[in-house]
N, C-alpha and C. Protein backbone atom coordinates (compact mmCIF):
# COMPACT_ATOMS: atom_id res chain seq x y z
N MET A 1 -10.28 -234.38 86.97
CA MET A 1 -10.72 -233.28 86.11
C MET A 1 -9.98 -231.98 86.41
N GLN A 2 -9.79 -231.71 87.71
CA GLN A 2 -9.06 -230.49 88.06
C GLN A 2 -7.63 -230.55 87.58
N ASP A 3 -7.00 -231.72 87.67
CA ASP A 3 -5.62 -231.87 87.20
C ASP A 3 -5.54 -231.61 85.70
N PHE A 4 -6.55 -232.04 84.98
CA PHE A 4 -6.57 -231.80 83.53
C PHE A 4 -6.54 -230.31 83.23
N HIS A 5 -7.40 -229.54 83.91
CA HIS A 5 -7.47 -228.11 83.64
C HIS A 5 -6.18 -227.39 84.05
N VAL A 6 -5.59 -227.80 85.18
CA VAL A 6 -4.33 -227.19 85.60
C VAL A 6 -3.24 -227.45 84.57
N THR A 7 -3.15 -228.68 84.12
CA THR A 7 -2.13 -229.04 83.13
C THR A 7 -2.35 -228.30 81.82
N ARG A 8 -3.60 -228.24 81.38
CA ARG A 8 -3.93 -227.55 80.13
C ARG A 8 -3.61 -226.07 80.21
N ALA A 9 -3.98 -225.44 81.31
CA ALA A 9 -3.73 -224.00 81.47
C ALA A 9 -2.24 -223.71 81.50
N GLN A 10 -1.47 -224.51 82.20
CA GLN A 10 -0.03 -224.30 82.28
C GLN A 10 0.64 -224.51 80.93
N ALA A 11 0.15 -225.47 80.16
CA ALA A 11 0.72 -225.74 78.84
C ALA A 11 0.48 -224.57 77.89
N LEU A 12 -0.69 -223.95 77.98
CA LEU A 12 -0.99 -222.81 77.11
C LEU A 12 -0.07 -221.63 77.39
N LEU A 13 0.33 -221.48 78.64
CA LEU A 13 1.17 -220.35 79.00
C LEU A 13 2.66 -220.63 78.85
N GLN A 14 3.01 -221.88 78.68
CA GLN A 14 4.42 -222.26 78.66
C GLN A 14 5.20 -221.55 77.56
N ASN A 15 4.60 -221.43 76.38
CA ASN A 15 5.29 -220.79 75.26
C ASN A 15 4.80 -219.37 74.99
N ALA A 16 4.00 -218.84 75.90
CA ALA A 16 3.45 -217.49 75.72
C ALA A 16 4.52 -216.43 75.96
N GLN A 17 4.27 -215.26 75.41
CA GLN A 17 5.20 -214.13 75.56
C GLN A 17 4.49 -212.97 76.24
N GLU A 18 5.10 -212.44 77.26
CA GLU A 18 4.54 -211.26 77.92
C GLU A 18 4.74 -210.04 77.03
N ILE A 19 3.63 -209.40 76.65
CA ILE A 19 3.74 -208.25 75.75
C ILE A 19 3.39 -206.94 76.44
N VAL A 20 2.73 -207.01 77.59
CA VAL A 20 2.44 -205.81 78.39
C VAL A 20 2.69 -206.16 79.84
N THR A 21 3.55 -205.40 80.51
CA THR A 21 3.89 -205.69 81.90
C THR A 21 2.77 -205.22 82.83
N PRO A 22 2.74 -205.74 84.05
CA PRO A 22 1.75 -205.25 85.01
C PRO A 22 1.81 -203.74 85.22
N ALA A 23 3.00 -203.17 85.23
CA ALA A 23 3.13 -201.72 85.40
C ALA A 23 2.50 -200.98 84.22
N GLN A 24 2.68 -201.49 83.01
CA GLN A 24 2.09 -200.87 81.83
C GLN A 24 0.57 -201.01 81.84
N VAL A 25 0.09 -202.13 82.35
CA VAL A 25 -1.36 -202.33 82.49
C VAL A 25 -1.94 -201.26 83.40
N GLN A 26 -1.32 -201.06 84.55
CA GLN A 26 -1.83 -200.09 85.51
C GLN A 26 -1.75 -198.66 84.94
N ALA A 27 -0.71 -198.38 84.18
CA ALA A 27 -0.59 -197.06 83.56
C ALA A 27 -1.71 -196.83 82.55
N ALA A 28 -2.08 -197.88 81.82
CA ALA A 28 -3.16 -197.76 80.84
C ALA A 28 -4.49 -197.50 81.52
N VAL A 29 -4.74 -198.19 82.63
CA VAL A 29 -5.97 -197.95 83.38
C VAL A 29 -5.99 -196.52 83.91
N GLY A 30 -4.85 -196.05 84.41
CA GLY A 30 -4.76 -194.68 84.90
C GLY A 30 -5.04 -193.66 83.81
N GLN A 31 -4.62 -193.98 82.60
CA GLN A 31 -4.88 -193.08 81.48
C GLN A 31 -6.38 -192.98 81.19
N VAL A 32 -7.07 -194.10 81.20
CA VAL A 32 -8.53 -194.09 80.99
C VAL A 32 -9.21 -193.30 82.10
N ALA A 33 -8.78 -193.52 83.34
CA ALA A 33 -9.36 -192.80 84.47
C ALA A 33 -9.17 -191.30 84.32
N ALA A 34 -7.98 -190.89 83.89
CA ALA A 34 -7.69 -189.46 83.75
C ALA A 34 -8.61 -188.80 82.73
N VAL A 35 -8.86 -189.49 81.62
CA VAL A 35 -9.73 -188.94 80.58
C VAL A 35 -11.16 -188.81 81.10
N LEU A 36 -11.64 -189.84 81.79
CA LEU A 36 -13.00 -189.80 82.33
C LEU A 36 -13.13 -188.73 83.42
N ASN A 37 -12.13 -188.61 84.28
CA ASN A 37 -12.17 -187.60 85.32
C ASN A 37 -12.20 -186.19 84.73
N GLU A 38 -11.45 -185.99 83.68
CA GLU A 38 -11.46 -184.69 83.01
C GLU A 38 -12.82 -184.41 82.39
N ARG A 39 -13.41 -185.44 81.81
CA ARG A 39 -14.70 -185.30 81.14
C ARG A 39 -15.81 -184.92 82.11
N PHE A 40 -15.79 -185.48 83.32
CA PHE A 40 -16.92 -185.30 84.24
C PHE A 40 -16.59 -184.42 85.45
N LYS A 41 -15.48 -183.73 85.44
CA LYS A 41 -15.09 -182.95 86.62
C LYS A 41 -15.83 -181.63 86.74
N THR A 42 -16.30 -181.09 85.65
CA THR A 42 -16.92 -179.76 85.70
C THR A 42 -18.36 -179.85 86.19
N PRO A 43 -18.83 -178.83 86.90
CA PRO A 43 -20.23 -178.81 87.33
C PRO A 43 -21.18 -178.88 86.13
N GLY A 44 -22.23 -179.65 86.28
CA GLY A 44 -23.18 -179.81 85.19
C GLY A 44 -22.79 -180.85 84.17
N ALA A 45 -21.67 -181.58 84.44
CA ALA A 45 -21.23 -182.61 83.49
C ALA A 45 -22.14 -183.82 83.50
N GLY A 46 -22.98 -183.90 84.52
CA GLY A 46 -23.94 -185.00 84.55
C GLY A 46 -23.58 -186.07 85.56
N PHE A 47 -24.49 -186.99 85.71
CA PHE A 47 -24.37 -188.11 86.65
C PHE A 47 -24.42 -189.39 85.81
N PRO A 48 -23.26 -189.84 85.31
CA PRO A 48 -23.27 -190.93 84.34
C PRO A 48 -23.59 -192.28 84.96
N LEU A 49 -24.14 -193.14 84.13
CA LEU A 49 -24.33 -194.54 84.47
C LEU A 49 -23.19 -195.32 83.84
N VAL A 50 -22.35 -195.93 84.66
CA VAL A 50 -21.21 -196.70 84.18
C VAL A 50 -21.62 -198.17 84.11
N LEU A 51 -21.44 -198.78 82.94
CA LEU A 51 -21.81 -200.18 82.73
C LEU A 51 -20.57 -200.99 82.40
N GLY A 52 -20.27 -201.97 83.24
CA GLY A 52 -19.19 -202.90 82.93
C GLY A 52 -19.73 -204.07 82.13
N VAL A 53 -19.00 -204.47 81.10
CA VAL A 53 -19.40 -205.60 80.28
C VAL A 53 -18.78 -206.87 80.88
N MET A 54 -19.62 -207.73 81.41
CA MET A 54 -19.15 -208.97 82.02
C MET A 54 -18.99 -210.04 80.94
N GLY A 55 -18.05 -211.03 81.16
CA GLY A 55 -17.18 -211.07 82.31
C GLY A 55 -15.79 -210.56 82.03
N GLY A 56 -15.39 -210.32 80.76
CA GLY A 56 -14.03 -209.92 80.48
C GLY A 56 -13.61 -208.62 81.14
N ALA A 57 -14.55 -207.69 81.31
CA ALA A 57 -14.20 -206.37 81.82
C ALA A 57 -14.21 -206.29 83.33
N VAL A 58 -14.41 -207.40 84.03
CA VAL A 58 -14.55 -207.34 85.48
C VAL A 58 -13.27 -206.84 86.14
N VAL A 59 -12.10 -207.26 85.67
CA VAL A 59 -10.84 -206.82 86.29
C VAL A 59 -10.57 -205.36 85.96
N PHE A 60 -10.75 -205.00 84.70
CA PHE A 60 -10.58 -203.60 84.27
C PHE A 60 -11.53 -202.69 85.05
N THR A 61 -12.78 -203.09 85.15
CA THR A 61 -13.78 -202.27 85.84
C THR A 61 -13.42 -202.11 87.31
N GLY A 62 -13.06 -203.21 87.97
CA GLY A 62 -12.73 -203.16 89.38
C GLY A 62 -11.50 -202.33 89.68
N THR A 63 -10.56 -202.29 88.73
CA THR A 63 -9.36 -201.48 88.90
C THR A 63 -9.62 -200.02 88.61
N LEU A 64 -10.50 -199.76 87.64
CA LEU A 64 -10.76 -198.39 87.21
C LEU A 64 -11.65 -197.62 88.17
N LEU A 65 -12.72 -198.23 88.66
CA LEU A 65 -13.72 -197.50 89.44
C LEU A 65 -13.14 -196.72 90.62
N PRO A 66 -12.22 -197.29 91.41
CA PRO A 66 -11.69 -196.52 92.54
C PRO A 66 -10.87 -195.30 92.12
N GLN A 67 -10.51 -195.21 90.85
CA GLN A 67 -9.73 -194.08 90.37
C GLN A 67 -10.60 -192.97 89.80
N LEU A 68 -11.90 -193.18 89.75
CA LEU A 68 -12.81 -192.16 89.25
C LEU A 68 -13.27 -191.28 90.41
N ASP A 69 -13.12 -189.96 90.24
CA ASP A 69 -13.39 -189.05 91.36
C ASP A 69 -14.63 -188.19 91.17
N PHE A 70 -15.59 -188.67 90.37
CA PHE A 70 -16.83 -187.95 90.16
C PHE A 70 -18.01 -188.84 90.55
N PRO A 71 -19.15 -188.25 90.88
CA PRO A 71 -20.32 -189.06 91.23
C PRO A 71 -20.80 -189.88 90.02
N LEU A 72 -21.13 -191.12 90.26
CA LEU A 72 -21.60 -191.99 89.19
C LEU A 72 -22.51 -193.06 89.75
N GLU A 73 -23.20 -193.72 88.86
CA GLU A 73 -24.00 -194.90 89.19
C GLU A 73 -23.42 -196.06 88.42
N PHE A 74 -23.35 -197.22 89.06
CA PHE A 74 -22.72 -198.37 88.41
C PHE A 74 -23.71 -199.52 88.25
N ASP A 75 -23.60 -200.19 87.13
CA ASP A 75 -24.35 -201.40 86.86
C ASP A 75 -23.51 -202.23 85.88
N TYR A 76 -24.02 -203.37 85.50
CA TYR A 76 -23.28 -204.19 84.54
C TYR A 76 -24.25 -204.78 83.53
N ILE A 77 -23.67 -205.19 82.39
CA ILE A 77 -24.43 -205.88 81.36
C ILE A 77 -23.66 -207.14 80.98
N HIS A 78 -24.37 -208.08 80.40
CA HIS A 78 -23.74 -209.33 79.97
C HIS A 78 -24.33 -209.70 78.62
N VAL A 79 -23.48 -209.72 77.61
CA VAL A 79 -23.92 -210.07 76.27
C VAL A 79 -23.00 -211.15 75.72
N SER A 80 -23.53 -211.99 74.87
CA SER A 80 -22.74 -213.03 74.21
C SER A 80 -23.10 -213.04 72.73
N ARG A 81 -22.11 -213.43 71.93
CA ARG A 81 -22.34 -213.50 70.49
C ARG A 81 -22.23 -214.94 70.05
N TYR A 82 -23.22 -215.37 69.29
CA TYR A 82 -23.25 -216.74 68.81
C TYR A 82 -23.37 -216.74 67.28
N GLY A 83 -22.92 -217.81 66.67
CA GLY A 83 -23.10 -217.94 65.23
C GLY A 83 -21.85 -217.58 64.45
N ASP A 84 -22.06 -217.09 63.25
CA ASP A 84 -20.98 -216.82 62.30
C ASP A 84 -20.27 -215.53 62.70
N ASP A 85 -19.06 -215.64 63.23
CA ASP A 85 -18.32 -214.46 63.66
C ASP A 85 -18.04 -213.51 62.50
N ASP A 86 -17.79 -214.06 61.31
CA ASP A 86 -17.48 -213.22 60.16
C ASP A 86 -18.65 -212.33 59.78
N ARG A 87 -19.86 -212.73 60.14
CA ARG A 87 -21.04 -211.94 59.82
C ARG A 87 -21.64 -211.29 61.06
N GLY A 88 -20.87 -211.35 62.14
CA GLY A 88 -21.34 -210.69 63.35
C GLY A 88 -22.08 -211.61 64.29
N GLY A 89 -22.66 -212.68 63.77
CA GLY A 89 -23.40 -213.59 64.62
C GLY A 89 -24.62 -212.93 65.23
N GLN A 90 -25.18 -213.59 66.22
CA GLN A 90 -26.35 -213.08 66.93
C GLN A 90 -25.93 -212.67 68.33
N VAL A 91 -26.22 -211.44 68.70
CA VAL A 91 -25.88 -210.94 70.03
C VAL A 91 -27.06 -211.19 70.95
N VAL A 92 -26.80 -211.91 72.02
CA VAL A 92 -27.83 -212.25 73.00
C VAL A 92 -27.52 -211.54 74.30
N TRP A 93 -28.51 -210.82 74.84
CA TRP A 93 -28.35 -210.11 76.10
C TRP A 93 -28.73 -211.04 77.24
N LYS A 94 -27.78 -211.40 78.07
CA LYS A 94 -28.04 -212.23 79.24
C LYS A 94 -28.45 -211.37 80.43
N VAL A 95 -27.88 -210.17 80.53
CA VAL A 95 -28.26 -209.22 81.58
C VAL A 95 -28.35 -207.84 80.96
N ILE A 96 -29.50 -207.21 81.08
CA ILE A 96 -29.68 -205.85 80.58
C ILE A 96 -29.53 -204.89 81.74
N PRO A 97 -29.31 -203.59 81.47
CA PRO A 97 -29.17 -202.64 82.58
C PRO A 97 -30.41 -202.64 83.47
N ARG A 98 -30.19 -202.70 84.76
CA ARG A 98 -31.31 -202.67 85.69
C ARG A 98 -31.79 -201.24 85.93
N GLN A 99 -30.93 -200.29 85.64
CA GLN A 99 -31.28 -198.88 85.82
C GLN A 99 -31.86 -198.33 84.52
N ASN A 100 -32.66 -197.30 84.65
CA ASN A 100 -33.23 -196.64 83.47
C ASN A 100 -32.15 -195.85 82.75
N VAL A 101 -31.95 -196.11 81.48
CA VAL A 101 -30.89 -195.44 80.73
C VAL A 101 -31.42 -194.22 79.97
N ALA A 102 -32.73 -194.04 79.91
CA ALA A 102 -33.32 -192.96 79.12
C ALA A 102 -32.82 -191.60 79.61
N GLY A 103 -32.30 -190.83 78.67
CA GLY A 103 -31.83 -189.49 78.97
C GLY A 103 -30.49 -189.43 79.67
N ARG A 104 -29.87 -190.58 79.89
CA ARG A 104 -28.62 -190.63 80.66
C ARG A 104 -27.40 -190.64 79.75
N THR A 105 -26.28 -190.18 80.31
CA THR A 105 -24.97 -190.41 79.70
C THR A 105 -24.47 -191.75 80.21
N ILE A 106 -24.17 -192.65 79.29
CA ILE A 106 -23.75 -194.01 79.63
C ILE A 106 -22.28 -194.18 79.29
N VAL A 107 -21.52 -194.71 80.23
CA VAL A 107 -20.12 -195.06 79.98
C VAL A 107 -20.03 -196.58 79.99
N VAL A 108 -19.71 -197.17 78.85
CA VAL A 108 -19.57 -198.62 78.74
C VAL A 108 -18.10 -198.98 78.87
N LEU A 109 -17.79 -199.86 79.82
CA LEU A 109 -16.42 -200.32 80.04
C LEU A 109 -16.27 -201.74 79.53
N ASP A 110 -15.28 -201.96 78.66
CA ASP A 110 -15.01 -203.31 78.18
C ASP A 110 -13.51 -203.55 78.18
N ASP A 111 -13.14 -204.84 78.17
CA ASP A 111 -11.73 -205.16 78.25
C ASP A 111 -11.00 -204.88 76.94
N ILE A 112 -11.61 -205.28 75.81
CA ILE A 112 -10.91 -205.14 74.54
C ILE A 112 -11.90 -204.89 73.41
N LEU A 113 -11.50 -204.02 72.49
CA LEU A 113 -12.24 -203.81 71.25
C LEU A 113 -11.55 -204.64 70.19
N ASP A 114 -12.16 -205.76 69.86
CA ASP A 114 -11.58 -206.71 68.92
C ASP A 114 -12.20 -206.49 67.55
N GLU A 115 -13.13 -207.33 67.15
CA GLU A 115 -13.82 -207.14 65.87
C GLU A 115 -14.78 -205.95 65.93
N GLY A 116 -15.35 -205.71 67.11
CA GLY A 116 -16.21 -204.54 67.30
C GLY A 116 -17.68 -204.78 67.10
N GLU A 117 -18.07 -205.96 66.64
CA GLU A 117 -19.48 -206.22 66.35
C GLU A 117 -20.34 -206.14 67.62
N THR A 118 -19.86 -206.75 68.69
CA THR A 118 -20.67 -206.80 69.91
C THR A 118 -20.81 -205.41 70.53
N LEU A 119 -19.71 -204.67 70.62
CA LEU A 119 -19.79 -203.33 71.20
C LEU A 119 -20.64 -202.39 70.34
N ALA A 120 -20.58 -202.56 69.03
CA ALA A 120 -21.43 -201.74 68.16
C ALA A 120 -22.90 -202.03 68.46
N HIS A 121 -23.22 -203.29 68.65
CA HIS A 121 -24.60 -203.66 68.99
C HIS A 121 -25.00 -203.08 70.34
N VAL A 122 -24.11 -203.18 71.32
CA VAL A 122 -24.40 -202.66 72.66
C VAL A 122 -24.68 -201.16 72.61
N LYS A 123 -23.84 -200.43 71.90
CA LYS A 123 -24.04 -198.98 71.82
C LYS A 123 -25.37 -198.64 71.18
N GLN A 124 -25.69 -199.30 70.07
CA GLN A 124 -26.93 -199.01 69.39
C GLN A 124 -28.14 -199.39 70.24
N ARG A 125 -28.03 -200.49 70.96
CA ARG A 125 -29.15 -200.93 71.83
C ARG A 125 -29.39 -199.89 72.92
N LEU A 126 -28.35 -199.37 73.51
CA LEU A 126 -28.50 -198.38 74.57
C LEU A 126 -29.09 -197.08 74.03
N LEU A 127 -28.67 -196.69 72.83
CA LEU A 127 -29.25 -195.51 72.21
C LEU A 127 -30.73 -195.74 71.90
N ASP A 128 -31.06 -196.93 71.44
CA ASP A 128 -32.46 -197.25 71.16
C ASP A 128 -33.30 -197.24 72.44
N MET A 129 -32.65 -197.51 73.57
CA MET A 129 -33.35 -197.49 74.86
C MET A 129 -33.50 -196.07 75.40
N GLY A 130 -32.96 -195.09 74.66
CA GLY A 130 -33.15 -193.71 75.04
C GLY A 130 -31.97 -193.02 75.66
N ALA A 131 -30.80 -193.66 75.68
CA ALA A 131 -29.62 -193.01 76.24
C ALA A 131 -29.30 -191.74 75.46
N ALA A 132 -28.94 -190.68 76.20
CA ALA A 132 -28.61 -189.42 75.54
C ALA A 132 -27.24 -189.48 74.88
N GLU A 133 -26.33 -190.24 75.48
CA GLU A 133 -24.96 -190.36 74.97
C GLU A 133 -24.38 -191.66 75.46
N VAL A 134 -23.60 -192.32 74.61
CA VAL A 134 -22.93 -193.55 75.00
C VAL A 134 -21.44 -193.39 74.73
N ILE A 135 -20.66 -193.45 75.79
CA ILE A 135 -19.21 -193.33 75.70
C ILE A 135 -18.61 -194.73 75.86
N ILE A 136 -17.83 -195.14 74.89
CA ILE A 136 -17.19 -196.46 74.92
C ILE A 136 -15.76 -196.30 75.41
N ALA A 137 -15.45 -196.91 76.54
CA ALA A 137 -14.09 -196.87 77.09
C ALA A 137 -13.57 -198.30 77.20
N VAL A 138 -12.47 -198.58 76.53
CA VAL A 138 -11.92 -199.93 76.54
C VAL A 138 -10.50 -199.91 77.09
N PHE A 139 -10.16 -200.97 77.78
CA PHE A 139 -8.81 -201.10 78.27
C PHE A 139 -7.83 -201.22 77.11
N ALA A 140 -8.21 -201.99 76.09
CA ALA A 140 -7.32 -202.22 74.95
C ALA A 140 -8.09 -202.22 73.64
N ASP A 141 -7.43 -201.74 72.62
CA ASP A 141 -7.96 -201.79 71.25
C ASP A 141 -7.00 -202.62 70.43
N LYS A 142 -7.52 -203.68 69.81
CA LYS A 142 -6.65 -204.56 69.02
C LYS A 142 -6.55 -204.04 67.59
N ASP A 143 -5.34 -203.93 67.09
CA ASP A 143 -5.10 -203.51 65.72
C ASP A 143 -5.26 -204.72 64.80
N ILE A 144 -6.47 -204.87 64.23
CA ILE A 144 -6.75 -206.04 63.40
C ILE A 144 -6.47 -205.78 61.92
N GLY A 145 -6.03 -204.57 61.59
CA GLY A 145 -5.64 -204.28 60.23
C GLY A 145 -6.77 -203.97 59.27
N ARG A 146 -7.96 -203.75 59.81
CA ARG A 146 -9.08 -203.38 58.95
C ARG A 146 -10.07 -202.55 59.77
N SER A 147 -11.01 -201.92 59.09
CA SER A 147 -11.96 -201.05 59.77
C SER A 147 -12.91 -201.86 60.64
N LYS A 148 -13.44 -201.20 61.67
CA LYS A 148 -14.38 -201.83 62.58
C LYS A 148 -15.69 -201.05 62.55
N PRO A 149 -16.78 -201.69 62.95
CA PRO A 149 -18.08 -201.01 62.93
C PRO A 149 -18.24 -199.98 64.04
N ILE A 150 -17.27 -199.88 64.93
CA ILE A 150 -17.34 -198.92 66.03
C ILE A 150 -15.92 -198.54 66.43
N ALA A 151 -15.75 -197.32 66.88
CA ALA A 151 -14.47 -196.86 67.42
C ALA A 151 -14.67 -196.51 68.88
N ALA A 152 -13.73 -196.88 69.72
CA ALA A 152 -13.81 -196.54 71.14
C ALA A 152 -13.53 -195.06 71.33
N ASP A 153 -14.21 -194.45 72.29
CA ASP A 153 -13.98 -193.05 72.61
C ASP A 153 -12.76 -192.87 73.49
N ILE A 154 -12.49 -193.86 74.33
CA ILE A 154 -11.34 -193.80 75.24
C ILE A 154 -10.64 -195.16 75.19
N ILE A 155 -9.31 -195.13 75.01
CA ILE A 155 -8.53 -196.36 74.86
C ILE A 155 -7.33 -196.30 75.81
N GLY A 156 -7.13 -197.40 76.56
CA GLY A 156 -5.98 -197.47 77.44
C GLY A 156 -4.70 -197.74 76.69
N LEU A 157 -4.72 -198.77 75.84
CA LEU A 157 -3.55 -199.11 75.04
C LEU A 157 -3.99 -199.87 73.79
N THR A 158 -3.09 -199.95 72.83
CA THR A 158 -3.35 -200.66 71.58
C THR A 158 -2.54 -201.94 71.54
N LEU A 159 -3.16 -203.04 71.15
CA LEU A 159 -2.50 -204.33 71.11
C LEU A 159 -2.32 -204.80 69.68
N PRO A 160 -1.29 -205.62 69.42
CA PRO A 160 -1.14 -206.22 68.10
C PRO A 160 -2.22 -207.25 67.87
N ASN A 161 -2.35 -207.68 66.63
CA ASN A 161 -3.36 -208.66 66.27
C ASN A 161 -2.89 -210.06 66.67
N ALA A 162 -3.00 -210.35 67.96
CA ALA A 162 -2.56 -211.62 68.52
C ALA A 162 -3.59 -212.09 69.54
N PHE A 163 -3.49 -213.34 69.93
CA PHE A 163 -4.39 -213.91 70.94
C PHE A 163 -3.80 -213.55 72.30
N VAL A 164 -4.49 -212.69 73.04
CA VAL A 164 -3.95 -212.12 74.27
C VAL A 164 -4.77 -212.56 75.48
N VAL A 165 -4.09 -212.88 76.57
CA VAL A 165 -4.74 -213.23 77.82
C VAL A 165 -4.16 -212.40 78.95
N GLY A 166 -4.94 -212.32 80.03
CA GLY A 166 -4.51 -211.58 81.20
C GLY A 166 -5.39 -210.38 81.44
N PHE A 167 -5.42 -209.89 82.67
CA PHE A 167 -6.19 -208.73 83.08
C PHE A 167 -7.64 -208.83 82.62
N GLY A 168 -8.22 -210.00 82.83
CA GLY A 168 -9.62 -210.22 82.50
C GLY A 168 -9.86 -210.98 81.22
N MET A 169 -8.88 -211.01 80.33
CA MET A 169 -9.03 -211.73 79.07
C MET A 169 -8.55 -213.16 79.24
N ASP A 170 -9.24 -214.10 78.61
CA ASP A 170 -8.98 -215.49 78.90
C ASP A 170 -8.74 -216.32 77.67
N VAL A 171 -8.27 -217.54 77.90
CA VAL A 171 -8.21 -218.58 76.88
C VAL A 171 -8.83 -219.82 77.49
N TYR A 172 -9.94 -220.28 76.91
CA TYR A 172 -10.69 -221.42 77.43
C TYR A 172 -11.05 -221.25 78.90
N GLY A 173 -11.27 -220.01 79.32
CA GLY A 173 -11.61 -219.73 80.71
C GLY A 173 -10.42 -219.59 81.64
N TYR A 174 -9.21 -219.78 81.13
CA TYR A 174 -8.02 -219.70 81.95
C TYR A 174 -7.37 -218.31 81.88
N TRP A 175 -6.63 -217.97 82.92
CA TRP A 175 -5.65 -216.87 82.97
C TRP A 175 -6.23 -215.46 82.92
N ARG A 176 -7.49 -215.29 83.30
CA ARG A 176 -8.01 -213.94 83.48
C ARG A 176 -7.26 -213.22 84.60
N ASN A 177 -6.68 -213.97 85.51
CA ASN A 177 -6.07 -213.43 86.72
C ASN A 177 -4.65 -212.92 86.53
N LEU A 178 -4.06 -213.05 85.35
CA LEU A 178 -2.71 -212.56 85.13
C LEU A 178 -2.67 -211.04 85.23
N PRO A 179 -1.70 -210.46 85.94
CA PRO A 179 -1.64 -209.00 86.08
C PRO A 179 -1.11 -208.29 84.85
N GLY A 180 -0.39 -209.02 83.99
CA GLY A 180 0.09 -208.47 82.73
C GLY A 180 -0.63 -209.14 81.58
N LEU A 181 -0.23 -208.82 80.35
CA LEU A 181 -0.84 -209.42 79.16
C LEU A 181 0.17 -210.32 78.47
N TRP A 182 -0.31 -211.48 78.07
CA TRP A 182 0.53 -212.47 77.43
C TRP A 182 -0.07 -212.88 76.09
N SER A 183 0.78 -213.05 75.10
CA SER A 183 0.35 -213.49 73.77
C SER A 183 0.52 -215.00 73.66
N ILE A 184 -0.58 -215.68 73.32
CA ILE A 184 -0.55 -217.14 73.16
C ILE A 184 -0.29 -217.48 71.70
N ARG A 185 0.61 -218.41 71.46
CA ARG A 185 0.91 -218.82 70.09
C ARG A 185 -0.29 -219.50 69.46
N GLN A 186 -0.52 -219.19 68.20
CA GLN A 186 -1.65 -219.79 67.49
C GLN A 186 -1.54 -221.31 67.45
N GLU A 187 -0.33 -221.83 67.32
CA GLU A 187 -0.17 -223.27 67.23
C GLU A 187 -0.50 -223.98 68.55
N ASP A 188 -0.55 -223.22 69.64
CA ASP A 188 -0.92 -223.80 70.92
C ASP A 188 -2.43 -223.78 71.16
N LEU A 189 -3.15 -223.12 70.27
CA LEU A 189 -4.61 -223.04 70.40
C LEU A 189 -5.22 -224.15 69.56
N LYS A 190 -5.39 -225.27 70.18
CA LYS A 190 -5.87 -226.46 69.47
C LYS A 190 -7.16 -226.93 70.12
N PRO A 191 -8.31 -226.46 69.64
CA PRO A 191 -9.59 -226.87 70.25
C PRO A 191 -9.77 -228.38 70.30
N ALA A 192 -9.16 -229.09 69.34
CA ALA A 192 -9.34 -230.54 69.32
C ALA A 192 -8.83 -231.18 70.60
N GLU A 193 -7.83 -230.54 71.24
CA GLU A 193 -7.29 -231.11 72.46
C GLU A 193 -8.31 -231.07 73.60
N LEU A 194 -9.33 -230.24 73.46
CA LEU A 194 -10.35 -230.15 74.49
C LEU A 194 -11.35 -231.30 74.39
N GLU A 195 -11.33 -232.01 73.28
CA GLU A 195 -12.24 -233.12 73.11
C GLU A 195 -11.68 -234.36 73.81
N THR A 196 -11.61 -234.23 75.12
CA THR A 196 -11.05 -235.27 75.95
C THR A 196 -12.12 -235.76 76.91
N GLU A 197 -11.68 -236.48 77.88
CA GLU A 197 -12.61 -236.96 78.90
C GLU A 197 -13.20 -235.80 79.68
N TYR A 198 -12.50 -234.63 79.66
CA TYR A 198 -12.94 -233.49 80.45
C TYR A 198 -13.05 -232.24 79.60
N PRO A 199 -13.94 -232.21 78.65
CA PRO A 199 -14.08 -231.00 77.83
C PRO A 199 -14.65 -229.84 78.64
N ILE A 200 -14.32 -228.63 78.21
CA ILE A 200 -14.91 -227.45 78.82
C ILE A 200 -16.15 -227.09 78.02
N PRO A 201 -17.33 -227.07 78.64
CA PRO A 201 -18.56 -226.83 77.88
C PRO A 201 -18.70 -225.41 77.42
N ASP A 202 -19.36 -225.26 76.27
CA ASP A 202 -19.79 -223.94 75.79
C ASP A 202 -18.65 -222.96 75.61
N VAL A 203 -17.50 -223.42 75.08
CA VAL A 203 -16.42 -222.48 74.79
C VAL A 203 -16.23 -222.41 73.28
N LYS A 204 -15.91 -221.24 72.81
CA LYS A 204 -15.73 -221.02 71.37
C LYS A 204 -14.62 -219.99 71.19
N VAL A 205 -13.58 -220.33 70.48
CA VAL A 205 -12.48 -219.40 70.27
C VAL A 205 -12.94 -218.28 69.37
N SER A 206 -12.76 -217.06 69.84
CA SER A 206 -13.07 -215.87 69.02
C SER A 206 -11.77 -215.28 68.55
N GLY A 207 -11.83 -214.04 68.05
CA GLY A 207 -10.63 -213.40 67.53
C GLY A 207 -9.59 -213.16 68.60
N ASN A 208 -9.99 -212.98 69.84
CA ASN A 208 -9.01 -212.71 70.88
C ASN A 208 -9.03 -213.76 71.97
N GLY A 209 -10.21 -214.10 72.47
CA GLY A 209 -10.27 -215.01 73.59
C GLY A 209 -11.37 -216.02 73.39
N VAL A 210 -11.81 -216.57 74.46
CA VAL A 210 -12.83 -217.59 74.40
C VAL A 210 -14.11 -217.03 75.01
N ASN A 211 -15.22 -217.19 74.31
CA ASN A 211 -16.50 -216.69 74.81
C ASN A 211 -17.26 -217.82 75.48
C-alpha cells in the first residue's frame, strides 16, 4: 500500500511545473506579515485572535506566526465542504474556535482563496458569533476569472487558475511539504486511477486541491 502511494505521488509530480519558487513563497509570507504588523503595531490596535484554517493553512500559519511582532492569541478552526461545489455545498465545522470571539478582532489565515464559498461562510459565522471584525489573510488568491462571494483583506500572491500543490496545498493528500508551488496538469488528475486495491478514502477533487 505504501509503495502505491509513493508511486502515485511521484507520477503526479513528474509532469508538474514549478510556478512559484521557494524564495518567492517566503517573500509572499513576509509581505502578509508586514501588512499585519503595520495594522497592529500602534497602541490600542487590539489583541487579535488569529485563527488558522486546518489543514491547508498549517504550513502558511507556522511560517507566518514567528514573523508577527505584536501580541496575539492563536487558535485554529477546521471546516469542510460537502456536496455540490457549484452551489457552495454544505459547510461543516469540525473544530470551532475554543476561545470566545465576541467583541474580538479575528484574523483568519488560509492557504488559498479559490472559489471563496467556504471562507465566506467562515467570515459570516464568526460575525454571527459576535466578532467585532474579521480580517481574511490568505497566502494565495487564485484568479478564477469570475467574481467571488468574498475578497481577502490581505494577499501574499496571486495564482493562475490551475491545480496547484505545495506549501500546504495538496493533491490527494500528497505534496503539502513542497517548499515551492507546482502546477499539476489536468490530464494527470484522474480520480479513476484511485479506484485500485488501495484507494484513498474520503478524497474529493475541488477547484484547487483535494478536500
